[in-house]
N, C-alpha and C. Protein backbone atom coordinates (compact mmCIF):
# COMPACT_ATOMS: atom_id res chain seq x y z
N MET A 1 -4.44 87.28 -97.51
CA MET A 1 -3.57 86.13 -97.72
C MET A 1 -2.66 85.92 -96.51
N LEU A 2 -2.12 87.01 -95.96
CA LEU A 2 -1.22 86.91 -94.81
C LEU A 2 -1.92 86.29 -93.60
N PRO A 3 -3.18 86.68 -93.26
CA PRO A 3 -3.85 86.04 -92.13
C PRO A 3 -4.02 84.53 -92.33
N LEU A 4 -4.29 84.10 -93.56
CA LEU A 4 -4.43 82.68 -93.84
C LEU A 4 -3.11 81.95 -93.62
N LEU A 5 -2.01 82.55 -94.05
CA LEU A 5 -0.69 81.95 -93.86
C LEU A 5 -0.36 81.85 -92.38
N ILE A 6 -0.64 82.89 -91.60
CA ILE A 6 -0.38 82.86 -90.16
C ILE A 6 -1.22 81.77 -89.50
N PHE A 7 -2.49 81.65 -89.91
CA PHE A 7 -3.36 80.61 -89.38
C PHE A 7 -2.82 79.22 -89.68
N ALA A 8 -2.37 78.98 -90.91
CA ALA A 8 -1.83 77.68 -91.30
C ALA A 8 -0.57 77.34 -90.52
N VAL A 9 0.31 78.31 -90.33
CA VAL A 9 1.53 78.07 -89.55
C VAL A 9 1.17 77.75 -88.11
N GLY A 10 0.17 78.42 -87.57
CA GLY A 10 -0.28 78.15 -86.21
C GLY A 10 -0.80 76.74 -86.05
N ILE A 11 -1.55 76.26 -87.03
CA ILE A 11 -2.06 74.89 -86.98
C ILE A 11 -0.91 73.89 -87.04
N LEU A 12 0.03 74.10 -87.94
CA LEU A 12 1.15 73.17 -88.07
C LEU A 12 2.00 73.14 -86.81
N SER A 13 2.20 74.29 -86.18
CA SER A 13 3.03 74.31 -84.98
C SER A 13 2.31 73.70 -83.80
N ALA A 14 0.97 73.64 -83.83
CA ALA A 14 0.22 73.07 -82.72
C ALA A 14 0.16 71.55 -82.80
N ARG A 15 0.49 70.97 -83.93
CA ARG A 15 0.43 69.52 -84.08
C ARG A 15 1.45 68.86 -83.16
N ALA A 16 0.96 67.95 -82.37
CA ALA A 16 1.83 67.27 -81.41
C ALA A 16 2.56 66.12 -82.09
N GLU A 17 3.61 65.70 -81.46
CA GLU A 17 4.35 64.54 -81.92
C GLU A 17 4.29 63.48 -80.84
N CYS A 18 4.39 62.25 -81.25
CA CYS A 18 4.43 61.15 -80.31
C CYS A 18 5.70 61.26 -79.47
N ASN A 19 5.58 60.98 -78.18
CA ASN A 19 6.73 60.96 -77.27
C ASN A 19 7.32 62.34 -77.05
N SER A 20 6.53 63.38 -77.26
CA SER A 20 6.98 64.76 -77.07
C SER A 20 6.12 65.40 -75.99
N CYS A 21 6.74 65.96 -74.97
CA CYS A 21 6.02 66.54 -73.84
C CYS A 21 5.34 67.85 -74.22
N SER A 22 4.07 67.97 -73.87
CA SER A 22 3.31 69.19 -74.11
C SER A 22 3.50 70.14 -72.94
N PRO A 23 3.87 71.39 -73.20
CA PRO A 23 4.02 72.34 -72.10
C PRO A 23 2.68 72.70 -71.46
N ASP A 24 1.58 72.54 -72.19
CA ASP A 24 0.26 72.88 -71.66
C ASP A 24 -0.27 71.84 -70.68
N THR A 25 -0.02 70.57 -70.96
CA THR A 25 -0.56 69.50 -70.11
C THR A 25 0.50 68.75 -69.32
N ASN A 26 1.76 68.97 -69.64
CA ASN A 26 2.89 68.26 -69.03
C ASN A 26 2.74 66.75 -69.20
N THR A 27 2.24 66.35 -70.36
CA THR A 27 2.10 64.93 -70.70
C THR A 27 2.64 64.70 -72.10
N ALA A 28 2.89 63.43 -72.40
CA ALA A 28 3.32 63.03 -73.74
C ALA A 28 2.53 61.81 -74.17
N CYS A 29 1.99 61.84 -75.37
CA CYS A 29 1.35 60.65 -75.93
C CYS A 29 2.45 59.68 -76.31
N ILE A 30 2.31 58.43 -75.90
CA ILE A 30 3.33 57.43 -76.22
C ILE A 30 2.80 56.39 -77.20
N SER A 31 1.51 56.45 -77.49
CA SER A 31 0.90 55.60 -78.52
C SER A 31 -0.42 56.26 -78.90
N ASP A 32 -1.19 55.63 -79.75
CA ASP A 32 -2.48 56.20 -80.14
C ASP A 32 -3.40 56.42 -78.95
N THR A 33 -3.29 55.57 -77.92
CA THR A 33 -4.24 55.63 -76.81
C THR A 33 -3.60 55.72 -75.43
N LYS A 34 -2.28 55.85 -75.36
CA LYS A 34 -1.61 55.89 -74.05
C LYS A 34 -0.75 57.13 -73.91
N PHE A 35 -0.58 57.57 -72.66
CA PHE A 35 0.21 58.77 -72.38
C PHE A 35 0.95 58.63 -71.06
N GLN A 36 1.94 59.49 -70.87
CA GLN A 36 2.70 59.55 -69.62
C GLN A 36 2.86 61.01 -69.22
N PHE A 37 2.96 61.25 -67.91
CA PHE A 37 3.29 62.58 -67.43
C PHE A 37 4.78 62.80 -67.69
N CYS A 38 5.18 64.04 -67.73
CA CYS A 38 6.57 64.37 -68.06
C CYS A 38 7.32 64.89 -66.84
N ALA A 39 8.60 64.57 -66.79
CA ALA A 39 9.52 65.10 -65.80
C ALA A 39 10.76 65.53 -66.56
N ASP A 40 11.22 66.74 -66.34
CA ASP A 40 12.37 67.28 -67.07
C ASP A 40 12.16 67.19 -68.58
N ASN A 41 10.93 67.45 -69.01
CA ASN A 41 10.55 67.45 -70.42
C ASN A 41 10.74 66.10 -71.12
N ARG A 42 10.64 65.01 -70.34
CA ARG A 42 10.71 63.65 -70.90
C ARG A 42 9.59 62.82 -70.27
N PRO A 43 8.94 61.94 -71.05
CA PRO A 43 7.90 61.08 -70.48
C PRO A 43 8.46 60.21 -69.35
N ALA A 44 7.73 60.14 -68.25
CA ALA A 44 8.18 59.35 -67.09
C ALA A 44 6.95 58.97 -66.27
N GLY A 45 7.12 58.02 -65.38
CA GLY A 45 6.04 57.67 -64.46
C GLY A 45 5.03 56.71 -65.04
N PRO A 46 3.87 56.61 -64.37
CA PRO A 46 2.87 55.62 -64.78
C PRO A 46 2.28 55.96 -66.15
N ILE A 47 1.86 54.92 -66.85
CA ILE A 47 1.24 55.08 -68.17
C ILE A 47 -0.27 55.14 -67.99
N GLY A 48 -0.88 56.17 -68.56
CA GLY A 48 -2.33 56.30 -68.54
C GLY A 48 -2.91 55.86 -69.87
N SER A 49 -4.13 55.37 -69.84
CA SER A 49 -4.81 54.93 -71.06
C SER A 49 -6.08 55.72 -71.29
N CYS A 50 -6.35 56.03 -72.53
CA CYS A 50 -7.60 56.68 -72.90
C CYS A 50 -8.70 55.62 -72.92
N PRO A 51 -9.95 56.03 -72.73
CA PRO A 51 -11.05 55.06 -72.83
C PRO A 51 -11.16 54.51 -74.25
N VAL A 52 -11.84 53.41 -74.40
CA VAL A 52 -12.06 52.80 -75.71
C VAL A 52 -12.74 53.82 -76.62
N GLY A 53 -12.21 53.96 -77.84
CA GLY A 53 -12.78 54.89 -78.80
C GLY A 53 -12.22 56.30 -78.71
N PHE A 54 -11.27 56.53 -77.79
CA PHE A 54 -10.64 57.84 -77.64
C PHE A 54 -9.17 57.73 -78.00
N TYR A 55 -8.57 58.86 -78.40
CA TYR A 55 -7.18 58.89 -78.84
C TYR A 55 -6.40 59.93 -78.04
N CYS A 56 -5.13 59.66 -77.84
CA CYS A 56 -4.25 60.58 -77.14
C CYS A 56 -3.93 61.75 -78.07
N THR A 57 -4.11 62.99 -77.56
CA THR A 57 -3.90 64.19 -78.35
C THR A 57 -3.09 65.21 -77.56
N SER A 58 -2.81 66.33 -78.16
CA SER A 58 -2.13 67.42 -77.46
C SER A 58 -3.13 68.44 -76.92
N GLU A 59 -4.41 68.13 -77.00
CA GLU A 59 -5.45 69.02 -76.49
C GLU A 59 -5.39 69.08 -74.97
N LEU A 60 -6.03 70.10 -74.37
CA LEU A 60 -6.05 70.20 -72.91
C LEU A 60 -6.74 69.00 -72.28
N SER A 61 -7.81 68.51 -72.90
CA SER A 61 -8.40 67.23 -72.51
C SER A 61 -7.68 66.20 -73.37
N ILE A 62 -6.71 65.53 -72.80
CA ILE A 62 -5.77 64.71 -73.57
C ILE A 62 -6.45 63.68 -74.46
N CYS A 63 -7.42 62.96 -73.93
CA CYS A 63 -8.09 61.91 -74.70
C CYS A 63 -9.31 62.49 -75.41
N GLN A 64 -9.34 62.35 -76.73
CA GLN A 64 -10.41 62.90 -77.56
C GLN A 64 -10.98 61.81 -78.46
N PRO A 65 -12.27 61.90 -78.82
CA PRO A 65 -12.87 60.87 -79.68
C PRO A 65 -12.49 60.99 -81.15
N SER A 66 -11.89 62.08 -81.56
CA SER A 66 -11.56 62.28 -82.97
C SER A 66 -10.16 61.77 -83.30
N SER A 67 -10.07 60.79 -84.20
CA SER A 67 -8.77 60.24 -84.58
C SER A 67 -7.94 61.26 -85.35
N SER A 68 -8.57 62.28 -85.90
CA SER A 68 -7.82 63.30 -86.65
C SER A 68 -6.96 64.16 -85.73
N LEU A 69 -7.22 64.13 -84.43
CA LEU A 69 -6.44 64.92 -83.47
C LEU A 69 -5.30 64.13 -82.83
N LYS A 70 -5.22 62.83 -83.08
CA LYS A 70 -4.24 62.03 -82.36
C LYS A 70 -2.81 62.48 -82.64
N ALA A 71 -1.98 62.39 -81.60
CA ALA A 71 -0.60 62.86 -81.68
C ALA A 71 0.33 61.84 -82.34
N CYS A 72 0.10 60.59 -82.11
CA CYS A 72 1.00 59.55 -82.63
C CYS A 72 0.52 59.08 -83.99
N ARG A 73 1.05 59.70 -85.01
CA ARG A 73 0.66 59.36 -86.38
C ARG A 73 1.76 58.63 -87.13
N ASP A 74 2.96 58.67 -86.62
CA ASP A 74 4.10 58.15 -87.38
C ASP A 74 4.48 56.71 -87.07
N CYS A 75 4.01 56.16 -85.96
CA CYS A 75 4.36 54.79 -85.60
C CYS A 75 3.73 53.83 -86.62
N GLY A 76 4.57 53.04 -87.28
CA GLY A 76 4.08 52.11 -88.29
C GLY A 76 3.90 52.71 -89.67
N ARG A 77 4.25 53.98 -89.84
CA ARG A 77 4.15 54.64 -91.14
C ARG A 77 5.52 54.76 -91.78
N CYS A 78 5.55 54.63 -93.08
CA CYS A 78 6.81 54.79 -93.81
C CYS A 78 7.24 56.26 -93.80
N SER A 79 8.55 56.45 -93.77
CA SER A 79 9.10 57.81 -93.79
C SER A 79 8.71 58.50 -95.09
N LEU A 80 8.86 59.81 -95.12
CA LEU A 80 8.47 60.58 -96.31
C LEU A 80 9.15 60.10 -97.58
N VAL A 81 10.38 59.62 -97.46
CA VAL A 81 11.09 59.13 -98.65
C VAL A 81 10.93 57.62 -98.82
N ARG A 82 10.02 57.03 -98.05
CA ARG A 82 9.63 55.62 -98.16
C ARG A 82 10.78 54.64 -97.97
N LEU A 83 11.65 54.96 -97.02
CA LEU A 83 12.77 54.06 -96.73
C LEU A 83 12.44 53.07 -95.62
N PHE A 84 11.85 53.55 -94.52
CA PHE A 84 11.60 52.69 -93.37
C PHE A 84 10.43 53.20 -92.55
N ALA A 85 9.96 52.35 -91.64
CA ALA A 85 8.92 52.72 -90.67
C ALA A 85 9.34 52.19 -89.31
N CYS A 86 9.21 53.01 -88.28
CA CYS A 86 9.49 52.55 -86.92
C CYS A 86 8.30 51.72 -86.46
N LEU A 87 8.58 50.56 -85.88
CA LEU A 87 7.52 49.66 -85.40
C LEU A 87 7.53 49.55 -83.89
N GLY A 88 8.56 50.06 -83.26
CA GLY A 88 8.70 50.01 -81.81
C GLY A 88 9.83 50.94 -81.42
N PRO A 89 10.17 50.99 -80.15
CA PRO A 89 11.24 51.90 -79.72
C PRO A 89 12.55 51.70 -80.48
N SER A 90 12.88 50.45 -80.76
CA SER A 90 14.16 50.20 -81.45
C SER A 90 14.01 49.22 -82.61
N THR A 91 12.79 48.99 -83.06
CA THR A 91 12.58 48.11 -84.21
C THR A 91 12.03 48.90 -85.39
N TYR A 92 12.39 48.46 -86.58
CA TYR A 92 11.93 49.14 -87.79
C TYR A 92 11.75 48.15 -88.91
N SER A 93 11.02 48.58 -89.93
CA SER A 93 10.76 47.78 -91.11
C SER A 93 11.17 48.59 -92.33
N LEU A 94 11.71 47.93 -93.32
CA LEU A 94 12.03 48.61 -94.57
C LEU A 94 10.75 48.80 -95.37
N CYS A 95 10.63 49.91 -96.06
CA CYS A 95 9.44 50.19 -96.87
C CYS A 95 9.66 49.87 -98.35
N LEU A 96 10.91 49.73 -98.74
CA LEU A 96 11.27 49.32 -100.10
C LEU A 96 10.61 50.18 -101.17
N GLY A 97 10.55 51.50 -100.92
CA GLY A 97 10.01 52.43 -101.89
C GLY A 97 8.50 52.50 -101.95
N THR A 98 7.82 51.80 -101.06
CA THR A 98 6.35 51.83 -101.04
C THR A 98 5.88 52.62 -99.82
N SER A 99 4.58 52.79 -99.71
CA SER A 99 4.03 53.51 -98.57
C SER A 99 3.63 52.58 -97.43
N SER A 100 3.90 51.28 -97.57
CA SER A 100 3.58 50.32 -96.52
C SER A 100 4.83 49.60 -96.05
N PRO A 101 4.97 49.40 -94.73
CA PRO A 101 6.12 48.65 -94.21
C PRO A 101 6.12 47.22 -94.76
N SER A 102 7.30 46.71 -95.07
CA SER A 102 7.42 45.34 -95.57
C SER A 102 7.60 44.39 -94.38
N ASN A 103 7.80 43.12 -94.68
CA ASN A 103 8.08 42.13 -93.64
C ASN A 103 9.56 42.09 -93.29
N VAL A 104 10.37 42.91 -93.95
CA VAL A 104 11.81 42.98 -93.68
C VAL A 104 12.00 43.91 -92.49
N THR A 105 12.33 43.32 -91.33
CA THR A 105 12.48 44.12 -90.11
C THR A 105 13.87 43.95 -89.52
N SER A 106 14.23 44.90 -88.69
CA SER A 106 15.51 44.85 -88.00
C SER A 106 15.40 45.69 -86.73
N SER A 107 16.47 45.72 -85.97
CA SER A 107 16.50 46.47 -84.72
C SER A 107 17.71 47.38 -84.66
N CYS A 108 17.56 48.46 -83.93
CA CYS A 108 18.68 49.37 -83.68
C CYS A 108 19.64 48.69 -82.71
N SER A 109 20.87 49.13 -82.70
CA SER A 109 21.86 48.63 -81.74
C SER A 109 21.45 49.02 -80.33
N PRO A 110 21.94 48.31 -79.31
CA PRO A 110 21.64 48.69 -77.92
C PRO A 110 22.04 50.15 -77.67
N GLY A 111 21.17 50.88 -76.97
CA GLY A 111 21.43 52.28 -76.69
C GLY A 111 20.95 53.22 -77.78
N TYR A 112 20.31 52.67 -78.82
CA TYR A 112 19.80 53.48 -79.93
C TYR A 112 18.30 53.25 -80.08
N VAL A 113 17.59 54.26 -80.60
CA VAL A 113 16.15 54.16 -80.82
C VAL A 113 15.82 54.56 -82.25
N CYS A 114 14.69 54.07 -82.74
CA CYS A 114 14.22 54.38 -84.09
C CYS A 114 13.48 55.72 -84.07
N ASN A 115 13.81 56.58 -85.03
CA ASN A 115 13.13 57.86 -85.17
C ASN A 115 12.90 58.11 -86.66
N ILE A 116 11.65 58.29 -87.03
CA ILE A 116 11.26 58.41 -88.44
C ILE A 116 11.87 59.64 -89.11
N ASN A 117 12.31 60.61 -88.33
CA ASN A 117 12.88 61.83 -88.91
C ASN A 117 14.38 61.77 -89.13
N LEU A 118 15.02 60.68 -88.77
CA LEU A 118 16.46 60.55 -88.94
C LEU A 118 16.80 59.90 -90.28
N VAL A 119 17.86 60.34 -90.90
CA VAL A 119 18.32 59.75 -92.15
C VAL A 119 18.86 58.34 -91.89
N ASN A 120 19.54 58.16 -90.76
CA ASN A 120 20.17 56.88 -90.45
C ASN A 120 19.27 55.94 -89.64
N ILE A 121 18.00 56.20 -89.55
CA ILE A 121 16.98 55.39 -88.88
C ILE A 121 17.13 55.42 -87.36
N CYS A 122 18.29 55.07 -86.82
CA CYS A 122 18.48 54.96 -85.38
C CYS A 122 19.37 56.08 -84.85
N GLY A 123 19.01 56.58 -83.67
CA GLY A 123 19.81 57.62 -83.01
C GLY A 123 20.04 57.25 -81.56
N LYS A 124 21.02 57.87 -80.93
CA LYS A 124 21.33 57.58 -79.53
C LYS A 124 20.12 57.89 -78.66
N SER A 125 19.78 56.94 -77.78
CA SER A 125 18.60 57.12 -76.93
C SER A 125 18.76 58.28 -75.95
N SER A 126 19.99 58.67 -75.67
CA SER A 126 20.21 59.79 -74.74
C SER A 126 19.89 61.14 -75.38
N THR A 127 19.87 61.20 -76.69
CA THR A 127 19.63 62.48 -77.37
C THR A 127 18.49 62.44 -78.38
N THR A 128 17.88 61.28 -78.59
CA THR A 128 16.84 61.12 -79.60
C THR A 128 15.59 60.51 -78.97
N ASN A 129 14.42 61.05 -79.29
CA ASN A 129 13.16 60.45 -78.86
C ASN A 129 12.77 59.37 -79.86
N ALA A 130 12.32 58.24 -79.34
CA ALA A 130 11.82 57.17 -80.20
C ALA A 130 10.49 57.60 -80.82
N THR A 131 10.28 57.27 -82.07
CA THR A 131 9.00 57.56 -82.71
C THR A 131 7.88 56.76 -82.05
N CYS A 132 8.15 55.51 -81.70
CA CYS A 132 7.16 54.65 -81.03
C CYS A 132 7.72 54.23 -79.67
N LEU A 133 6.94 54.36 -78.63
CA LEU A 133 7.40 53.88 -77.33
C LEU A 133 6.93 52.46 -77.05
N GLU A 134 6.01 51.99 -77.86
CA GLU A 134 5.52 50.62 -77.72
C GLU A 134 5.70 49.91 -79.05
N ASP A 135 5.91 48.60 -78.99
CA ASP A 135 5.95 47.82 -80.23
C ASP A 135 4.53 47.70 -80.75
N ILE A 136 4.35 47.88 -82.06
CA ILE A 136 3.03 47.70 -82.64
C ILE A 136 2.95 46.33 -83.28
N ASP A 137 1.78 45.76 -83.26
CA ASP A 137 1.57 44.44 -83.84
C ASP A 137 1.34 44.61 -85.33
N THR A 138 2.23 44.07 -86.13
CA THR A 138 2.11 44.21 -87.59
C THR A 138 1.67 42.91 -88.25
N THR A 139 1.37 41.91 -87.45
CA THR A 139 0.95 40.64 -88.03
C THR A 139 -0.57 40.56 -88.06
N THR A 140 -1.08 39.83 -89.00
CA THR A 140 -2.51 39.57 -89.06
C THR A 140 -2.70 38.14 -88.57
N ARG A 141 -3.46 38.02 -87.52
CA ARG A 141 -3.66 36.70 -86.93
C ARG A 141 -5.06 36.21 -87.21
N ALA A 142 -5.17 34.90 -87.41
CA ALA A 142 -6.48 34.29 -87.57
C ALA A 142 -7.17 34.27 -86.22
N PRO A 143 -8.50 34.41 -86.20
CA PRO A 143 -9.21 34.38 -84.93
C PRO A 143 -9.02 33.04 -84.25
N THR A 144 -8.88 33.06 -82.93
CA THR A 144 -8.73 31.83 -82.18
C THR A 144 -9.81 31.76 -81.13
N THR A 145 -10.16 30.54 -80.76
CA THR A 145 -11.11 30.32 -79.69
C THR A 145 -10.33 29.77 -78.51
N GLU A 146 -10.55 30.38 -77.38
CA GLU A 146 -9.77 29.99 -76.21
C GLU A 146 -10.69 29.93 -75.01
N THR A 147 -10.58 28.87 -74.24
CA THR A 147 -11.34 28.74 -73.01
C THR A 147 -10.41 29.03 -71.86
N THR A 148 -10.81 29.97 -71.03
CA THR A 148 -9.99 30.31 -69.87
C THR A 148 -10.82 30.25 -68.61
N GLU A 149 -10.15 30.00 -67.52
CA GLU A 149 -10.81 29.96 -66.23
C GLU A 149 -10.74 31.35 -65.63
N ALA A 150 -11.87 31.82 -65.13
CA ALA A 150 -11.90 33.17 -64.56
C ALA A 150 -11.17 33.20 -63.23
N THR A 151 -10.31 34.18 -63.06
CA THR A 151 -9.63 34.39 -61.79
C THR A 151 -9.73 35.85 -61.44
N GLU A 152 -9.69 36.13 -60.16
CA GLU A 152 -9.78 37.51 -59.72
C GLU A 152 -8.38 38.06 -59.50
N THR A 153 -8.12 39.22 -60.06
CA THR A 153 -6.84 39.86 -59.85
C THR A 153 -7.07 41.29 -59.39
N THR A 154 -6.15 41.77 -58.60
CA THR A 154 -6.20 43.16 -58.16
C THR A 154 -5.03 43.87 -58.80
N GLU A 155 -5.31 44.98 -59.43
CA GLU A 155 -4.27 45.70 -60.15
C GLU A 155 -4.29 47.15 -59.73
N SER A 156 -3.13 47.71 -59.53
CA SER A 156 -3.02 49.12 -59.17
C SER A 156 -3.17 49.96 -60.43
N SER A 157 -4.00 50.97 -60.35
CA SER A 157 -4.15 51.85 -61.51
C SER A 157 -4.27 53.28 -61.04
N THR A 158 -3.98 54.18 -61.94
CA THR A 158 -4.07 55.60 -61.64
C THR A 158 -5.31 56.14 -62.31
N ASN A 159 -6.07 56.97 -61.59
CA ASN A 159 -7.29 57.53 -62.14
C ASN A 159 -6.95 58.75 -62.99
N PHE A 160 -7.26 58.67 -64.26
CA PHE A 160 -6.96 59.76 -65.18
C PHE A 160 -8.25 60.37 -65.73
N ASP A 161 -9.30 60.43 -64.91
CA ASP A 161 -10.60 60.92 -65.36
C ASP A 161 -10.57 62.31 -65.97
N ARG A 162 -9.68 63.17 -65.52
CA ARG A 162 -9.69 64.54 -66.02
C ARG A 162 -9.12 64.67 -67.42
N PHE A 163 -8.63 63.59 -68.00
CA PHE A 163 -7.95 63.68 -69.27
C PHE A 163 -8.80 63.32 -70.47
N TRP A 164 -10.07 63.09 -70.30
CA TRP A 164 -10.91 62.87 -71.46
C TRP A 164 -12.28 63.45 -71.21
N LEU A 165 -12.97 63.70 -72.29
CA LEU A 165 -14.31 64.27 -72.20
C LEU A 165 -15.29 63.16 -71.93
N PRO A 166 -16.28 63.37 -71.07
CA PRO A 166 -17.27 62.32 -70.79
C PRO A 166 -18.16 62.06 -71.98
């Protein structure tokens, strides 16, 4: 029984959190599919993206095809007591006692961020990590047809090939 308990505690402690720097990879997942390198144990620098169909994890190969390994599970989810859900760095929705965010939304005061683990929803950005670093789209939109003219653009990007399995 004791080995099983030790194994379970090990699994729980290995679970990554969104916006939390991993000491093994020196990166932090900032959304389901995006990550940043860390400086002084805080996400900083350019944002990397996982390939389509891959998720940001705390594994040594950061981007993995299994959604069960993803680090950012709390963005858009109601808190354990079903009071609120963080929808962005400083935006939140009331859950009204249900497991789904409602359409009732609000924002934290300037200098504060939303964190699903706080009783008061918002905490000082200098001492609290935001649950979500990006705003999530909570609206359902009807499909639209749009005609656009093709233009060529050059964009600077960082090669993050070593962070996912081929």
